[in-house]
């Protein structure tokens, strides 16, 4: 299966995916790494790894969110991408994108959804006084942090945790959970019925 990774920043989850692919822990081919940010370090990681297509487009060059997404979809379709993996991609996907890859877009979120949705999930969990947070891999639908949950892992919040210490532990779990979940998804080990995702085989 051909996959694309979309990232807006540092790309640490991308690096974990690249490492898993090299170790043959994900039975797929990384065809495209795309970013909406020209200076995203994820692009550098992709170039160093020899990813066939490393691309950037700026939303400022398009008349609408839908027009931008249509251009990204065209790029991915040209490369015969079958699964889209979001790894710190900070844009909300439009219906144009979601319909083009229905049930074939995975995202990772640093909390146990449906708790602590949004861009500040780690800080929100800390400020709320939660005792447990974690990581969620989910399918993407037209609502933010809403699609069917594919996999989750819990992370305890320690009494002396700071944003930095908690983030570090969450990222470590992300880097383990995401590649395993991507591989299972690629190999058809999940069945989706409505909101319920179950393992098969």
N, C-alpha and C. Protein backbone atom coordinates (compact mmCIF):
# COMPACT_ATOMS: atom_id res chain seq x y z
N UNK A 1 0.84 -1.20 0.00
CA UNK A 1 0.00 0.00 0.00
C UNK A 1 0.88 1.24 0.00
N UNK A 2 0.53 2.20 -0.83
CA UNK A 2 1.25 3.47 -0.88
C UNK A 2 0.66 4.44 0.14
N UNK A 3 1.52 5.03 0.95
CA UNK A 3 1.05 5.98 1.95
C UNK A 3 1.71 7.35 1.76
N UNK A 4 1.01 8.36 2.26
CA UNK A 4 1.55 9.72 2.31
C UNK A 4 1.49 10.19 3.74
N UNK A 5 2.49 10.94 4.16
CA UNK A 5 2.48 11.56 5.48
C UNK A 5 2.40 13.06 5.30
N UNK A 6 1.47 13.69 5.99
CA UNK A 6 1.31 15.14 5.96
C UNK A 6 1.74 15.69 7.32
N UNK A 7 2.63 16.67 7.30
CA UNK A 7 3.16 17.23 8.55
C UNK A 7 3.37 18.72 8.39
N UNK A 8 3.23 19.45 9.49
CA UNK A 8 3.42 20.90 9.46
C UNK A 8 4.65 21.37 10.21
N UNK A 9 5.27 20.48 10.98
CA UNK A 9 6.34 20.93 11.86
C UNK A 9 7.57 20.05 11.89
N UNK A 10 7.97 19.69 13.11
CA UNK A 10 9.23 18.98 13.33
C UNK A 10 9.27 17.60 12.70
N UNK A 11 8.15 16.90 12.75
CA UNK A 11 8.08 15.60 12.09
C UNK A 11 8.65 14.45 12.90
N UNK A 12 8.53 14.49 14.23
CA UNK A 12 9.07 13.38 15.02
C UNK A 12 8.27 12.10 14.79
N UNK A 13 6.96 12.21 14.61
CA UNK A 13 6.18 11.02 14.28
C UNK A 13 6.53 10.51 12.89
N UNK A 14 6.80 11.41 11.97
CA UNK A 14 7.27 11.00 10.64
C UNK A 14 8.55 10.19 10.77
N UNK A 15 9.47 10.64 11.62
CA UNK A 15 10.73 9.93 11.80
C UNK A 15 10.50 8.53 12.35
N UNK A 16 9.56 8.40 13.27
CA UNK A 16 9.22 7.08 13.82
C UNK A 16 8.64 6.18 12.73
N UNK A 17 7.84 6.76 11.85
CA UNK A 17 7.26 6.00 10.74
C UNK A 17 8.34 5.56 9.76
N UNK A 18 9.27 6.47 9.44
CA UNK A 18 10.38 6.14 8.54
C UNK A 18 11.22 5.00 9.12
N UNK A 19 11.51 5.08 10.42
CA UNK A 19 12.30 4.03 11.08
C UNK A 19 11.57 2.69 11.02
N UNK A 20 10.26 2.71 11.25
CA UNK A 20 9.47 1.47 11.21
C UNK A 20 9.43 0.89 9.80
N UNK A 21 9.34 1.74 8.80
CA UNK A 21 9.36 1.27 7.41
C UNK A 21 10.70 0.62 7.07
N UNK A 22 11.78 1.25 7.49
CA UNK A 22 13.11 0.69 7.22
C UNK A 22 13.31 -0.65 7.92
N UNK A 23 12.71 -0.78 9.09
CA UNK A 23 12.82 -2.03 9.85
C UNK A 23 11.78 -3.05 9.41
N UNK A 24 11.01 -2.69 8.37
CA UNK A 24 9.95 -3.55 7.82
C UNK A 24 8.87 -3.86 8.85
N UNK A 25 8.65 -2.93 9.76
CA UNK A 25 7.58 -3.06 10.74
C UNK A 25 6.27 -2.47 10.22
N UNK A 26 6.34 -1.74 9.11
CA UNK A 26 5.15 -1.30 8.39
C UNK A 26 5.28 -1.84 6.98
N UNK A 27 4.32 -2.63 6.58
CA UNK A 27 4.38 -3.25 5.24
C UNK A 27 3.69 -2.33 4.23
N UNK A 28 4.37 -1.23 3.92
CA UNK A 28 3.83 -0.24 3.00
C UNK A 28 4.99 0.54 2.39
N UNK A 29 4.66 1.42 1.45
CA UNK A 29 5.66 2.26 0.80
C UNK A 29 5.32 3.72 1.05
N UNK A 30 6.27 4.46 1.59
CA UNK A 30 6.07 5.89 1.81
C UNK A 30 6.39 6.63 0.51
N UNK A 31 5.33 7.04 -0.18
CA UNK A 31 5.49 7.66 -1.50
C UNK A 31 5.64 9.17 -1.44
N UNK A 32 4.95 9.80 -0.47
CA UNK A 32 4.90 11.26 -0.43
C UNK A 32 4.99 11.76 1.01
N UNK A 33 5.81 12.78 1.22
CA UNK A 33 5.72 13.58 2.44
C UNK A 33 5.38 15.00 2.00
N UNK A 34 4.30 15.54 2.55
CA UNK A 34 3.81 16.86 2.16
C UNK A 34 3.72 17.75 3.39
N UNK A 35 4.01 19.04 3.19
CA UNK A 35 3.82 20.01 4.26
C UNK A 35 3.21 21.29 3.71
N UNK A 36 2.42 21.92 4.54
CA UNK A 36 1.88 23.24 4.21
C UNK A 36 2.83 24.35 4.65
N UNK A 37 3.95 23.97 5.26
CA UNK A 37 4.94 24.94 5.73
C UNK A 37 6.28 24.69 5.04
N UNK A 38 6.79 25.69 4.37
CA UNK A 38 8.04 25.52 3.61
C UNK A 38 9.22 25.19 4.51
N UNK A 39 9.19 25.69 5.76
CA UNK A 39 10.32 25.51 6.67
C UNK A 39 10.12 24.33 7.64
N UNK A 40 9.13 23.49 7.39
CA UNK A 40 8.88 22.35 8.27
C UNK A 40 10.07 21.39 8.23
N UNK A 41 10.58 21.04 9.41
CA UNK A 41 11.73 20.13 9.45
C UNK A 41 11.35 18.74 8.96
N UNK A 42 10.06 18.45 8.96
CA UNK A 42 9.59 17.16 8.42
C UNK A 42 10.05 16.98 6.97
N UNK A 43 10.09 18.05 6.20
CA UNK A 43 10.53 17.96 4.80
C UNK A 43 12.01 17.56 4.72
N UNK A 44 12.81 18.10 5.62
CA UNK A 44 14.23 17.74 5.68
C UNK A 44 14.40 16.27 6.05
N UNK A 45 13.61 15.82 7.02
CA UNK A 45 13.66 14.41 7.41
C UNK A 45 13.33 13.51 6.22
N UNK A 46 12.32 13.91 5.45
CA UNK A 46 11.89 13.12 4.29
C UNK A 46 12.97 13.08 3.22
N UNK A 47 13.60 14.22 2.97
CA UNK A 47 14.67 14.27 1.96
C UNK A 47 15.83 13.38 2.37
N UNK A 48 16.22 13.44 3.64
CA UNK A 48 17.31 12.61 4.14
C UNK A 48 16.98 11.12 4.02
N UNK A 49 15.70 10.79 4.15
CA UNK A 49 15.28 9.39 4.08
C UNK A 49 15.08 8.91 2.65
N UNK A 50 15.17 9.82 1.70
CA UNK A 50 15.02 9.43 0.30
C UNK A 50 13.58 9.15 -0.12
N UNK A 51 12.63 9.82 0.51
CA UNK A 51 11.23 9.67 0.12
C UNK A 51 11.07 10.17 -1.32
N UNK A 52 10.39 9.41 -2.18
CA UNK A 52 10.31 9.76 -3.60
C UNK A 52 9.78 11.16 -3.90
N UNK A 53 8.70 11.56 -3.21
CA UNK A 53 8.11 12.88 -3.45
C UNK A 53 8.05 13.65 -2.13
N UNK A 54 8.77 14.75 -2.07
CA UNK A 54 8.76 15.64 -0.91
C UNK A 54 8.23 16.98 -1.40
N UNK A 55 7.06 17.38 -0.93
CA UNK A 55 6.37 18.51 -1.54
C UNK A 55 5.85 19.51 -0.52
N UNK A 56 5.72 20.75 -0.98
CA UNK A 56 5.16 21.83 -0.17
C UNK A 56 4.28 22.71 -1.04
N UNK A 57 3.14 23.06 -0.50
CA UNK A 57 2.28 24.08 -1.11
C UNK A 57 1.87 25.05 -0.02
N UNK A 58 1.72 26.32 -0.38
CA UNK A 58 1.27 27.32 0.58
C UNK A 58 -0.20 27.63 0.35
N UNK A 59 -0.97 27.61 1.42
CA UNK A 59 -2.40 27.92 1.32
C UNK A 59 -2.63 29.34 0.84
N UNK A 60 -1.64 30.21 1.04
CA UNK A 60 -1.76 31.61 0.60
C UNK A 60 -1.88 31.73 -0.91
N UNK A 61 -1.43 30.70 -1.62
CA UNK A 61 -1.46 30.73 -3.09
C UNK A 61 -2.80 30.25 -3.66
N UNK A 62 -3.77 29.96 -2.80
CA UNK A 62 -5.04 29.43 -3.26
C UNK A 62 -6.19 30.30 -2.75
N UNK A 63 -7.27 30.29 -3.50
CA UNK A 63 -8.40 31.18 -3.21
C UNK A 63 -9.24 30.71 -2.03
N UNK A 64 -9.15 29.41 -1.71
CA UNK A 64 -9.97 28.88 -0.62
C UNK A 64 -9.31 27.63 -0.05
N UNK A 65 -9.83 27.22 1.11
CA UNK A 65 -9.35 25.99 1.74
C UNK A 65 -9.63 24.79 0.84
N UNK A 66 -10.78 24.82 0.18
CA UNK A 66 -11.16 23.72 -0.71
C UNK A 66 -10.23 23.64 -1.92
N UNK A 67 -9.86 24.80 -2.45
CA UNK A 67 -8.96 24.81 -3.61
C UNK A 67 -7.58 24.28 -3.23
N UNK A 68 -7.12 24.65 -2.05
CA UNK A 68 -5.84 24.15 -1.57
C UNK A 68 -5.89 22.63 -1.41
N UNK A 69 -6.93 22.15 -0.75
CA UNK A 69 -7.06 20.71 -0.53
C UNK A 69 -7.19 19.94 -1.84
N UNK A 70 -7.88 20.52 -2.80
CA UNK A 70 -8.01 19.87 -4.10
C UNK A 70 -6.66 19.69 -4.76
N UNK A 71 -5.79 20.68 -4.60
CA UNK A 71 -4.43 20.59 -5.17
C UNK A 71 -3.62 19.51 -4.46
N UNK A 72 -3.76 19.41 -3.14
CA UNK A 72 -3.05 18.38 -2.39
C UNK A 72 -3.58 16.99 -2.79
N UNK A 73 -4.89 16.86 -2.90
CA UNK A 73 -5.48 15.59 -3.31
C UNK A 73 -4.97 15.19 -4.69
N UNK A 74 -4.89 16.14 -5.61
CA UNK A 74 -4.40 15.85 -6.96
C UNK A 74 -2.96 15.32 -6.91
N UNK A 75 -2.13 15.92 -6.07
CA UNK A 75 -0.75 15.48 -5.90
C UNK A 75 -0.71 14.04 -5.39
N UNK A 76 -1.52 13.75 -4.38
CA UNK A 76 -1.51 12.41 -3.78
C UNK A 76 -2.08 11.37 -4.74
N UNK A 77 -3.12 11.73 -5.45
CA UNK A 77 -3.70 10.80 -6.43
C UNK A 77 -2.72 10.49 -7.55
N UNK A 78 -1.98 11.51 -7.97
CA UNK A 78 -0.97 11.31 -9.02
C UNK A 78 0.05 10.26 -8.61
N UNK A 79 0.39 10.23 -7.32
CA UNK A 79 1.37 9.28 -6.80
C UNK A 79 0.72 7.97 -6.32
N UNK A 80 -0.58 7.81 -6.64
CA UNK A 80 -1.32 6.58 -6.30
C UNK A 80 -1.31 6.28 -4.79
N UNK A 81 -1.44 7.34 -4.00
CA UNK A 81 -1.50 7.19 -2.54
C UNK A 81 -2.84 6.56 -2.16
N UNK A 82 -2.77 5.57 -1.27
CA UNK A 82 -3.97 4.86 -0.82
C UNK A 82 -4.33 5.16 0.63
N UNK A 83 -3.36 5.58 1.43
CA UNK A 83 -3.60 5.90 2.84
C UNK A 83 -2.89 7.20 3.17
N UNK A 84 -3.62 8.12 3.80
CA UNK A 84 -3.04 9.40 4.23
C UNK A 84 -2.85 9.36 5.74
N UNK A 85 -1.64 9.68 6.17
CA UNK A 85 -1.29 9.68 7.59
C UNK A 85 -0.95 11.11 8.01
N UNK A 86 -1.71 11.64 8.94
CA UNK A 86 -1.45 12.99 9.46
C UNK A 86 -0.51 12.88 10.65
N UNK A 87 0.58 13.63 10.61
CA UNK A 87 1.58 13.59 11.68
C UNK A 87 1.95 15.02 12.05
N UNK A 88 1.11 15.63 12.89
CA UNK A 88 1.33 17.02 13.24
C UNK A 88 0.97 17.96 12.09
N UNK A 89 -0.02 17.58 11.32
CA UNK A 89 -0.52 18.44 10.23
C UNK A 89 -1.57 19.35 10.83
N UNK A 90 -1.30 20.65 10.84
CA UNK A 90 -2.09 21.58 11.64
C UNK A 90 -3.24 22.24 10.89
N UNK A 91 -3.54 21.75 9.71
CA UNK A 91 -4.69 22.27 8.96
C UNK A 91 -5.90 21.36 9.15
N UNK A 92 -7.07 21.97 9.25
CA UNK A 92 -8.32 21.20 9.29
C UNK A 92 -8.68 20.83 7.86
N UNK A 93 -8.84 19.55 7.60
CA UNK A 93 -9.13 19.09 6.24
C UNK A 93 -10.57 19.44 5.85
N UNK A 94 -10.73 19.88 4.62
CA UNK A 94 -12.05 20.21 4.11
C UNK A 94 -12.77 18.95 3.64
N UNK A 95 -14.09 19.03 3.42
CA UNK A 95 -14.81 17.88 2.87
C UNK A 95 -14.25 17.39 1.54
N UNK A 96 -13.64 18.28 0.77
CA UNK A 96 -13.03 17.89 -0.51
C UNK A 96 -11.97 16.82 -0.27
N UNK A 97 -11.13 17.03 0.72
CA UNK A 97 -10.06 16.08 1.04
C UNK A 97 -10.64 14.81 1.64
N UNK A 98 -11.52 14.98 2.60
CA UNK A 98 -12.04 13.82 3.34
C UNK A 98 -12.81 12.88 2.42
N UNK A 99 -13.59 13.42 1.49
CA UNK A 99 -14.34 12.58 0.55
C UNK A 99 -13.40 11.84 -0.40
N UNK A 100 -12.28 12.48 -0.76
CA UNK A 100 -11.33 11.85 -1.68
C UNK A 100 -10.65 10.64 -1.06
N UNK A 101 -10.50 10.64 0.26
CA UNK A 101 -9.83 9.54 0.96
C UNK A 101 -10.69 9.04 2.12
N UNK A 102 -11.96 8.84 1.86
CA UNK A 102 -12.90 8.43 2.92
C UNK A 102 -12.43 7.15 3.60
N UNK A 103 -12.40 7.19 4.93
CA UNK A 103 -11.96 6.06 5.77
C UNK A 103 -10.52 5.64 5.50
N UNK A 104 -9.75 6.53 4.89
CA UNK A 104 -8.34 6.23 4.61
C UNK A 104 -7.43 7.39 5.04
N UNK A 105 -7.84 8.09 6.10
CA UNK A 105 -7.03 9.15 6.68
C UNK A 105 -6.89 8.86 8.17
N UNK A 106 -5.66 8.68 8.62
CA UNK A 106 -5.38 8.45 10.04
C UNK A 106 -4.76 9.70 10.66
N UNK A 107 -5.13 9.96 11.90
CA UNK A 107 -4.53 11.07 12.65
C UNK A 107 -4.15 10.57 14.04
N UNK A 108 -3.14 11.22 14.63
CA UNK A 108 -2.77 10.91 16.01
C UNK A 108 -2.97 12.15 16.85
N UNK A 109 -3.55 11.95 18.04
CA UNK A 109 -3.89 13.08 18.92
C UNK A 109 -3.34 12.80 20.32
N UNK A 110 -2.72 13.81 20.96
CA UNK A 110 -2.07 13.58 22.26
C UNK A 110 -3.02 13.68 23.45
N UNK A 111 -4.08 12.90 23.41
CA UNK A 111 -5.02 12.80 24.53
C UNK A 111 -5.90 11.58 24.27
N UNK A 112 -6.66 11.20 25.28
CA UNK A 112 -7.60 10.10 25.12
C UNK A 112 -8.95 10.69 24.68
N UNK A 113 -9.13 10.77 23.37
CA UNK A 113 -10.40 11.30 22.85
C UNK A 113 -11.56 10.44 23.35
N UNK A 114 -12.73 11.06 23.63
CA UNK A 114 -13.11 12.42 23.25
C UNK A 114 -12.67 13.51 24.23
N UNK A 115 -11.87 13.20 25.22
CA UNK A 115 -11.38 14.24 26.14
C UNK A 115 -10.28 15.08 25.47
N UNK A 116 -10.27 16.35 25.79
CA UNK A 116 -9.19 17.27 25.41
C UNK A 116 -8.92 17.30 23.91
N UNK A 117 -9.95 17.66 23.18
CA UNK A 117 -9.80 17.88 21.75
C UNK A 117 -9.03 19.17 21.51
N UNK A 118 -8.58 19.35 20.26
CA UNK A 118 -7.96 20.61 19.87
C UNK A 118 -6.45 20.62 19.94
N UNK A 119 -5.90 21.78 19.63
CA UNK A 119 -4.45 21.93 19.43
C UNK A 119 -3.65 21.99 20.72
N UNK A 120 -4.31 22.12 21.88
CA UNK A 120 -3.58 22.31 23.15
C UNK A 120 -3.91 21.20 24.14
N UNK A 121 -4.03 19.98 23.62
CA UNK A 121 -4.52 18.86 24.43
C UNK A 121 -3.65 18.56 25.65
N UNK A 122 -2.35 18.62 25.49
CA UNK A 122 -1.45 18.28 26.61
C UNK A 122 -1.57 19.32 27.71
N UNK A 123 -1.50 20.59 27.34
CA UNK A 123 -1.64 21.67 28.32
C UNK A 123 -3.03 21.64 28.96
N UNK A 124 -4.04 21.36 28.17
CA UNK A 124 -5.41 21.33 28.70
C UNK A 124 -5.57 20.23 29.75
N UNK A 125 -4.99 19.06 29.49
CA UNK A 125 -5.08 17.96 30.46
C UNK A 125 -4.38 18.32 31.77
N UNK A 126 -3.22 18.95 31.66
CA UNK A 126 -2.49 19.39 32.85
C UNK A 126 -3.28 20.41 33.64
N UNK A 127 -3.80 21.43 32.96
CA UNK A 127 -4.52 22.52 33.64
C UNK A 127 -5.82 22.04 34.26
N UNK A 128 -6.40 21.01 33.67
CA UNK A 128 -7.67 20.49 34.16
C UNK A 128 -7.48 19.64 35.41
N UNK A 129 -6.24 19.20 35.62
CA UNK A 129 -5.96 18.35 36.78
C UNK A 129 -6.25 16.89 36.53
N UNK A 130 -6.27 16.48 35.26
CA UNK A 130 -6.50 15.08 34.93
C UNK A 130 -5.38 14.20 35.50
N UNK A 131 -5.71 12.99 35.87
CA UNK A 131 -4.73 12.05 36.41
C UNK A 131 -4.18 11.12 35.32
N UNK A 132 -4.96 10.94 34.27
CA UNK A 132 -4.55 10.09 33.15
C UNK A 132 -4.87 10.81 31.85
N UNK A 133 -3.95 10.79 30.93
CA UNK A 133 -4.20 11.26 29.57
C UNK A 133 -3.66 10.17 28.64
N UNK A 134 -3.24 10.53 27.44
CA UNK A 134 -2.70 9.48 26.58
C UNK A 134 -2.65 9.87 25.13
N UNK A 135 -2.81 8.87 24.27
CA UNK A 135 -2.65 9.03 22.83
C UNK A 135 -3.80 8.30 22.13
N UNK A 136 -4.34 8.94 21.10
CA UNK A 136 -5.41 8.33 20.31
C UNK A 136 -5.05 8.36 18.83
N UNK A 137 -5.21 7.23 18.16
CA UNK A 137 -5.14 7.19 16.70
C UNK A 137 -6.58 7.02 16.22
N UNK A 138 -7.00 7.91 15.32
CA UNK A 138 -8.38 7.85 14.87
C UNK A 138 -8.48 8.14 13.37
N UNK A 139 -9.58 7.69 12.79
CA UNK A 139 -9.89 8.05 11.42
C UNK A 139 -10.41 9.48 11.41
N UNK A 140 -10.16 10.18 10.32
CA UNK A 140 -10.54 11.58 10.23
C UNK A 140 -11.87 11.71 9.50
N UNK A 141 -12.78 12.46 10.12
CA UNK A 141 -14.03 12.81 9.44
C UNK A 141 -14.13 14.33 9.38
N UNK A 142 -15.31 14.85 9.12
CA UNK A 142 -15.44 16.29 8.87
C UNK A 142 -15.51 17.12 10.15
N UNK A 143 -15.46 16.48 11.31
CA UNK A 143 -15.39 17.21 12.57
C UNK A 143 -14.00 17.06 13.17
N UNK A 144 -13.56 18.06 13.92
CA UNK A 144 -12.20 18.06 14.48
C UNK A 144 -12.09 17.03 15.60
N UNK A 145 -11.06 16.17 15.50
CA UNK A 145 -10.77 15.17 16.54
C UNK A 145 -12.01 14.36 16.90
N UNK A 146 -12.70 13.87 15.88
CA UNK A 146 -14.01 13.26 16.10
C UNK A 146 -14.15 11.86 15.52
N UNK A 147 -13.40 11.53 14.48
CA UNK A 147 -13.62 10.28 13.75
C UNK A 147 -13.44 9.03 14.60
N UNK A 148 -13.86 7.88 14.08
CA UNK A 148 -13.78 6.62 14.82
C UNK A 148 -12.39 6.33 15.37
N UNK A 149 -12.35 5.87 16.62
CA UNK A 149 -11.09 5.62 17.31
C UNK A 149 -10.54 4.25 16.90
N UNK A 150 -9.31 4.24 16.43
CA UNK A 150 -8.66 3.00 15.98
C UNK A 150 -7.82 2.38 17.10
N UNK A 151 -7.09 3.21 17.83
CA UNK A 151 -6.22 2.70 18.91
C UNK A 151 -6.00 3.80 19.94
N UNK A 152 -5.80 3.38 21.18
CA UNK A 152 -5.49 4.32 22.26
C UNK A 152 -4.48 3.71 23.22
N UNK A 153 -3.72 4.59 23.88
CA UNK A 153 -2.80 4.16 24.93
C UNK A 153 -2.80 5.23 26.02
N UNK A 154 -2.82 4.79 27.26
CA UNK A 154 -2.89 5.72 28.39
C UNK A 154 -1.51 6.16 28.84
N UNK A 155 -1.45 7.39 29.35
CA UNK A 155 -0.23 7.94 29.94
C UNK A 155 -0.62 8.58 31.28
N UNK A 156 0.01 8.12 32.37
CA UNK A 156 -0.28 8.69 33.68
C UNK A 156 0.30 10.09 33.78
N UNK A 157 -0.44 10.99 34.42
CA UNK A 157 0.07 12.33 34.70
C UNK A 157 0.59 12.34 36.13
N UNK A 158 1.87 12.63 36.27
CA UNK A 158 2.51 12.63 37.58
C UNK A 158 2.27 13.96 38.29
N UNK A 159 2.27 13.96 39.63
CA UNK A 159 2.00 15.20 40.37
C UNK A 159 2.95 16.35 40.04
N UNK A 160 4.20 16.01 39.71
CA UNK A 160 5.19 17.06 39.43
C UNK A 160 5.40 17.29 37.94
N UNK A 161 4.51 16.77 37.11
CA UNK A 161 4.68 16.93 35.67
C UNK A 161 4.61 18.39 35.24
N UNK A 162 5.45 18.73 34.28
CA UNK A 162 5.35 20.00 33.57
C UNK A 162 4.88 19.68 32.15
N UNK A 163 4.61 20.72 31.39
CA UNK A 163 4.23 20.51 30.00
C UNK A 163 5.34 19.73 29.27
N UNK A 164 6.59 20.08 29.55
CA UNK A 164 7.70 19.44 28.86
C UNK A 164 7.85 17.96 29.23
N UNK A 165 7.75 17.64 30.51
CA UNK A 165 7.93 16.25 30.92
C UNK A 165 6.78 15.37 30.42
N UNK A 166 5.56 15.90 30.51
CA UNK A 166 4.41 15.12 30.04
C UNK A 166 4.45 14.97 28.52
N UNK A 167 4.80 16.03 27.82
CA UNK A 167 4.91 15.96 26.36
C UNK A 167 5.91 14.90 25.93
N UNK A 168 7.03 14.85 26.63
CA UNK A 168 8.08 13.88 26.29
C UNK A 168 7.56 12.46 26.40
N UNK A 169 6.84 12.16 27.46
CA UNK A 169 6.31 10.80 27.64
C UNK A 169 5.20 10.48 26.64
N UNK A 170 4.38 11.46 26.36
CA UNK A 170 3.32 11.26 25.37
C UNK A 170 3.92 11.00 23.99
N UNK A 171 4.94 11.77 23.62
CA UNK A 171 5.56 11.59 22.30
C UNK A 171 6.20 10.21 22.18
N UNK A 172 6.78 9.73 23.26
CA UNK A 172 7.38 8.40 23.23
C UNK A 172 6.32 7.35 22.93
N UNK A 173 5.16 7.48 23.56
CA UNK A 173 4.06 6.54 23.31
C UNK A 173 3.55 6.69 21.88
N UNK A 174 3.44 7.92 21.41
CA UNK A 174 3.02 8.16 20.02
C UNK A 174 3.92 7.41 19.04
N UNK A 175 5.24 7.52 19.27
CA UNK A 175 6.21 6.94 18.34
C UNK A 175 6.17 5.41 18.33
N UNK A 176 5.61 4.83 19.38
CA UNK A 176 5.42 3.37 19.43
C UNK A 176 4.06 2.97 18.85
N UNK A 177 3.02 3.70 19.24
CA UNK A 177 1.66 3.32 18.86
C UNK A 177 1.35 3.59 17.39
N UNK A 178 1.79 4.73 16.87
CA UNK A 178 1.38 5.11 15.52
C UNK A 178 1.89 4.13 14.46
N UNK A 179 3.20 3.80 14.43
CA UNK A 179 3.66 2.84 13.42
C UNK A 179 2.94 1.49 13.51
N UNK A 180 2.73 0.99 14.73
CA UNK A 180 2.03 -0.29 14.89
C UNK A 180 0.61 -0.22 14.34
N UNK A 181 -0.06 0.90 14.60
CA UNK A 181 -1.44 1.05 14.15
C UNK A 181 -1.51 1.21 12.64
N UNK A 182 -0.58 1.97 12.07
CA UNK A 182 -0.52 2.13 10.62
C UNK A 182 -0.33 0.78 9.94
N UNK A 183 0.59 -0.02 10.48
CA UNK A 183 0.84 -1.33 9.88
C UNK A 183 -0.40 -2.22 9.97
N UNK A 184 -1.05 -2.22 11.11
CA UNK A 184 -2.26 -3.04 11.27
C UNK A 184 -3.35 -2.58 10.31
N UNK A 185 -3.46 -1.28 10.13
CA UNK A 185 -4.47 -0.75 9.22
C UNK A 185 -4.15 -1.15 7.78
N UNK A 186 -2.88 -1.02 7.40
CA UNK A 186 -2.44 -1.40 6.04
C UNK A 186 -2.74 -2.87 5.77
N UNK A 187 -2.55 -3.71 6.76
CA UNK A 187 -2.75 -5.15 6.59
C UNK A 187 -4.20 -5.59 6.77
N UNK A 188 -5.09 -4.61 6.86
CA UNK A 188 -6.51 -4.94 6.94
C UNK A 188 -6.93 -5.56 8.25
N UNK A 189 -6.26 -5.19 9.33
CA UNK A 189 -6.54 -5.80 10.63
C UNK A 189 -7.61 -5.05 11.42
N UNK A 190 -8.22 -4.04 10.80
CA UNK A 190 -9.28 -3.31 11.46
C UNK A 190 -10.55 -3.32 10.62
N UNK A 191 -11.68 -3.44 11.28
CA UNK A 191 -12.97 -3.36 10.63
C UNK A 191 -13.73 -2.19 11.23
N UNK A 192 -14.31 -1.35 10.38
CA UNK A 192 -15.02 -0.16 10.84
C UNK A 192 -16.51 -0.32 10.57
N UNK A 193 -17.31 -0.23 11.64
CA UNK A 193 -18.76 -0.26 11.52
C UNK A 193 -19.30 0.94 12.30
N UNK A 194 -19.74 1.95 11.57
CA UNK A 194 -20.17 3.18 12.24
C UNK A 194 -19.00 3.83 12.94
N UNK A 195 -19.13 4.02 14.26
CA UNK A 195 -18.03 4.61 15.03
C UNK A 195 -17.13 3.54 15.65
N UNK A 196 -17.50 2.29 15.51
CA UNK A 196 -16.78 1.23 16.21
C UNK A 196 -15.73 0.60 15.29
N UNK A 197 -14.48 0.61 15.76
CA UNK A 197 -13.38 -0.01 15.04
C UNK A 197 -12.93 -1.23 15.83
N UNK A 198 -12.94 -2.39 15.19
CA UNK A 198 -12.53 -3.61 15.88
C UNK A 198 -11.41 -4.28 15.13
N UNK A 199 -10.55 -4.98 15.88
CA UNK A 199 -9.47 -5.75 15.26
C UNK A 199 -10.02 -7.05 14.68
N UNK A 200 -9.46 -7.45 13.55
CA UNK A 200 -9.83 -8.72 12.93
C UNK A 200 -8.56 -9.52 12.63
N UNK A 201 -8.67 -10.83 12.61
CA UNK A 201 -7.52 -11.67 12.27
C UNK A 201 -6.49 -11.78 13.37
